[in-house]
Amino acid sequence: MKLTSFAAVFVAIVIGVIASAPGSSAEQDKSAQIERGKYLVEQVARCGDCHSPVNEKGVPIPGKELRGGSLAFKPVTPNPGWADKAPNIAGLRGWDEDAAIKFLMTGIAYNDLPARPPMPPYHLNRPDAEAIVAFLKSLSPVEK
């Protein structure tokens, strides 16, 4: 009887320790999602090419990545909807998660308008859109 009680207490303690251990499965999944989003933002979509400020030599300014930037190019034909500046997307200030995911999947913003050129109307799959949003939301929205 004592052995059974001891075993039950031991199992309960072990389960409690495992469940409360840092690096839980949910935390690891979120971390992997953020890393995937970082990869997509930096290496695939190359969001920083427009959304990061550059110095006078055209080199991105360290510490200001994805904080918004003036576009260094113009359309070859007149385009009244053309954006001259790409907004700060670090932290996605003003965007809730669902609206940002919808935007990346459909190209339609929270105000039901399409993105202004030269922003392409991305049609990402949900996991990629969620990963990008998770990464951008993980960044501080404060200007450095």
Protein backbone atom coordinates (compact mmCIF):
# COMPACT_ATOMS: atom_id res chain seq x y z
CA MET A 1 0.00 0.00 0.00
CA LYS A 2 2.78 2.41 0.95
CA LEU A 3 4.61 1.60 -2.29
CA THR A 4 1.50 2.35 -4.34
CA SER A 5 0.97 5.69 -2.55
CA PHE A 6 4.65 6.57 -2.99
CA ALA A 7 4.48 5.69 -6.70
CA ALA A 8 1.36 7.81 -7.19
CA VAL A 9 2.95 10.81 -5.46
CA PHE A 10 6.18 10.34 -7.43
CA VAL A 11 4.31 10.19 -10.75
CA ALA A 12 2.29 13.30 -9.85
CA ILE A 13 5.47 15.22 -8.99
CA VAL A 14 7.21 14.15 -12.20
CA ILE A 15 4.20 15.16 -14.30
CA GLY A 16 4.04 18.52 -12.52
CA VAL A 17 7.74 19.19 -13.09
CA ILE A 18 7.53 18.26 -16.77
CA ALA A 19 4.39 20.32 -17.35
CA SER A 20 5.89 23.42 -15.72
CA ALA A 21 9.35 23.11 -17.24
CA PRO A 22 10.52 26.04 -19.34
CA GLY A 23 10.65 25.27 -23.01
CA SER A 24 7.28 23.57 -23.05
CA SER A 25 5.98 22.24 -26.33
CA ALA A 26 3.74 25.30 -26.85
CA GLU A 27 6.69 27.66 -26.26
CA GLN A 28 8.87 25.64 -28.62
CA ASP A 29 6.15 25.65 -31.28
CA LYS A 30 5.76 29.45 -30.98
CA SER A 31 9.53 29.90 -31.14
CA ALA A 32 9.74 27.73 -34.25
CA GLN A 33 6.87 29.70 -35.81
CA ILE A 34 8.63 33.00 -35.11
CA GLU A 35 11.88 31.66 -36.60
CA ARG A 36 9.97 30.53 -39.70
CA GLY A 37 8.41 33.99 -39.97
CA LYS A 38 11.82 35.63 -39.62
CA TYR A 39 13.15 33.46 -42.44
CA LEU A 40 10.18 34.32 -44.68
CA VAL A 41 10.44 38.07 -43.93
CA GLU A 42 14.21 38.29 -44.35
CA GLN A 43 15.02 35.71 -47.02
CA VAL A 44 11.89 35.07 -49.09
CA ALA A 45 9.59 38.11 -49.15
CA ARG A 46 12.52 40.44 -48.35
CA CYS A 47 10.21 42.87 -46.57
CA GLY A 48 13.14 44.95 -45.35
CA ASP A 49 14.03 45.98 -48.90
CA CYS A 50 11.17 48.49 -48.73
CA HIS A 51 10.19 48.59 -45.05
CA SER A 52 13.65 49.46 -43.65
CA PRO A 53 15.32 52.87 -43.80
CA VAL A 54 18.68 53.15 -45.52
CA ASN A 55 21.60 55.57 -45.21
CA GLU A 56 22.85 57.86 -47.98
CA LYS A 57 24.71 54.92 -49.55
CA GLY A 58 21.57 52.78 -49.68
CA VAL A 59 22.72 50.49 -46.86
CA PRO A 60 20.09 49.49 -44.27
CA ILE A 61 20.51 51.33 -40.98
CA PRO A 62 21.34 48.79 -38.24
CA GLY A 63 18.74 48.62 -35.48
CA LYS A 64 16.00 50.16 -37.64
CA GLU A 65 15.05 47.08 -39.62
CA LEU A 66 11.39 47.03 -40.66
CA ARG A 67 10.78 50.47 -39.09
CA GLY A 68 9.57 52.01 -42.35
CA GLY A 69 11.50 53.53 -45.18
CA SER A 70 11.31 55.83 -48.16
CA LEU A 71 11.14 53.95 -51.43
CA ALA A 72 14.18 54.46 -53.61
CA PHE A 73 12.31 53.80 -56.84
CA LYS A 74 9.31 55.22 -58.68
CA PRO A 75 6.90 53.73 -61.22
CA VAL A 76 7.89 54.06 -64.87
CA THR A 77 4.40 55.33 -65.71
CA PRO A 78 2.22 57.59 -63.55
CA ASN A 79 0.48 55.68 -60.78
CA PRO A 80 -1.65 57.84 -58.46
CA GLY A 81 -1.92 55.10 -55.83
CA TRP A 82 1.85 54.65 -55.54
CA ALA A 83 3.18 54.79 -51.97
CA ASP A 84 6.34 56.87 -51.53
CA LYS A 85 7.07 55.36 -48.13
CA ALA A 86 6.71 51.85 -46.76
CA PRO A 87 5.27 51.85 -43.23
CA ASN A 88 6.87 50.60 -40.04
CA ILE A 89 5.79 46.95 -39.76
CA ALA A 90 7.80 46.04 -36.64
CA GLY A 91 5.23 45.05 -34.03
CA LEU A 92 2.39 45.55 -36.53
CA ARG A 93 1.08 48.49 -34.54
CA GLY A 94 -2.58 49.12 -35.44
CA TRP A 95 -3.10 45.63 -36.89
CA ASP A 96 -4.76 42.79 -35.04
CA GLU A 97 -3.44 39.33 -35.75
CA ASP A 98 -6.42 38.13 -37.80
CA ALA A 99 -6.45 41.23 -40.04
CA ALA A 100 -2.72 40.94 -40.70
CA ILE A 101 -3.05 37.24 -41.58
CA LYS A 102 -5.98 38.03 -43.89
CA PHE A 103 -3.92 40.77 -45.57
CA LEU A 104 -1.03 38.39 -46.28
CA MET A 105 -3.42 35.73 -47.58
CA THR A 106 -5.66 37.96 -49.72
CA GLY A 107 -3.87 41.25 -50.33
CA ILE A 108 -6.82 43.08 -48.73
CA ALA A 109 -6.15 45.26 -45.68
CA TYR A 110 -8.28 45.71 -42.56
CA ASN A 111 -9.97 48.72 -44.24
CA ASP A 112 -11.08 46.42 -47.11
CA LEU A 113 -8.71 48.14 -49.53
CA PRO A 114 -5.88 46.48 -51.42
CA ALA A 115 -2.29 47.32 -50.60
CA ARG A 116 -0.93 50.36 -52.37
CA PRO A 117 1.70 49.66 -54.99
CA PRO A 118 4.49 48.72 -55.01
CA MET A 119 3.36 46.34 -52.23
CA PRO A 120 2.49 43.12 -54.02
CA PRO A 121 -0.82 41.42 -53.23
CA TYR A 122 0.58 38.37 -51.49
CA HIS A 123 -1.55 35.24 -51.44
CA LEU A 124 0.27 33.24 -48.79
CA ASN A 125 -0.95 30.04 -47.25
CA ARG A 126 -2.23 30.32 -43.68
CA PRO A 127 0.81 28.76 -41.92
CA ASP A 128 3.22 31.12 -43.70
CA ALA A 129 1.01 34.16 -43.04
CA GLU A 130 0.70 33.18 -39.36
CA ALA A 131 4.48 32.74 -39.10
CA ILE A 132 5.18 36.16 -40.61
CA VAL A 133 2.65 37.82 -38.33
CA ALA A 134 4.09 36.02 -35.28
CA PHE A 135 7.57 37.25 -36.17
CA LEU A 136 6.49 40.84 -36.85
CA LYS A 137 4.39 40.93 -33.65
CA SER A 138 7.44 39.70 -31.70
CA LEU A 139 9.37 42.85 -32.66
CA SER A 140 9.21 46.03 -30.63
CA PRO A 141 7.02 48.61 -32.38
CA VAL A 142 8.97 51.45 -30.76
CA GLU A 143 11.21 53.50 -33.03
CA LYS A 144 14.87 53.03 -32.20
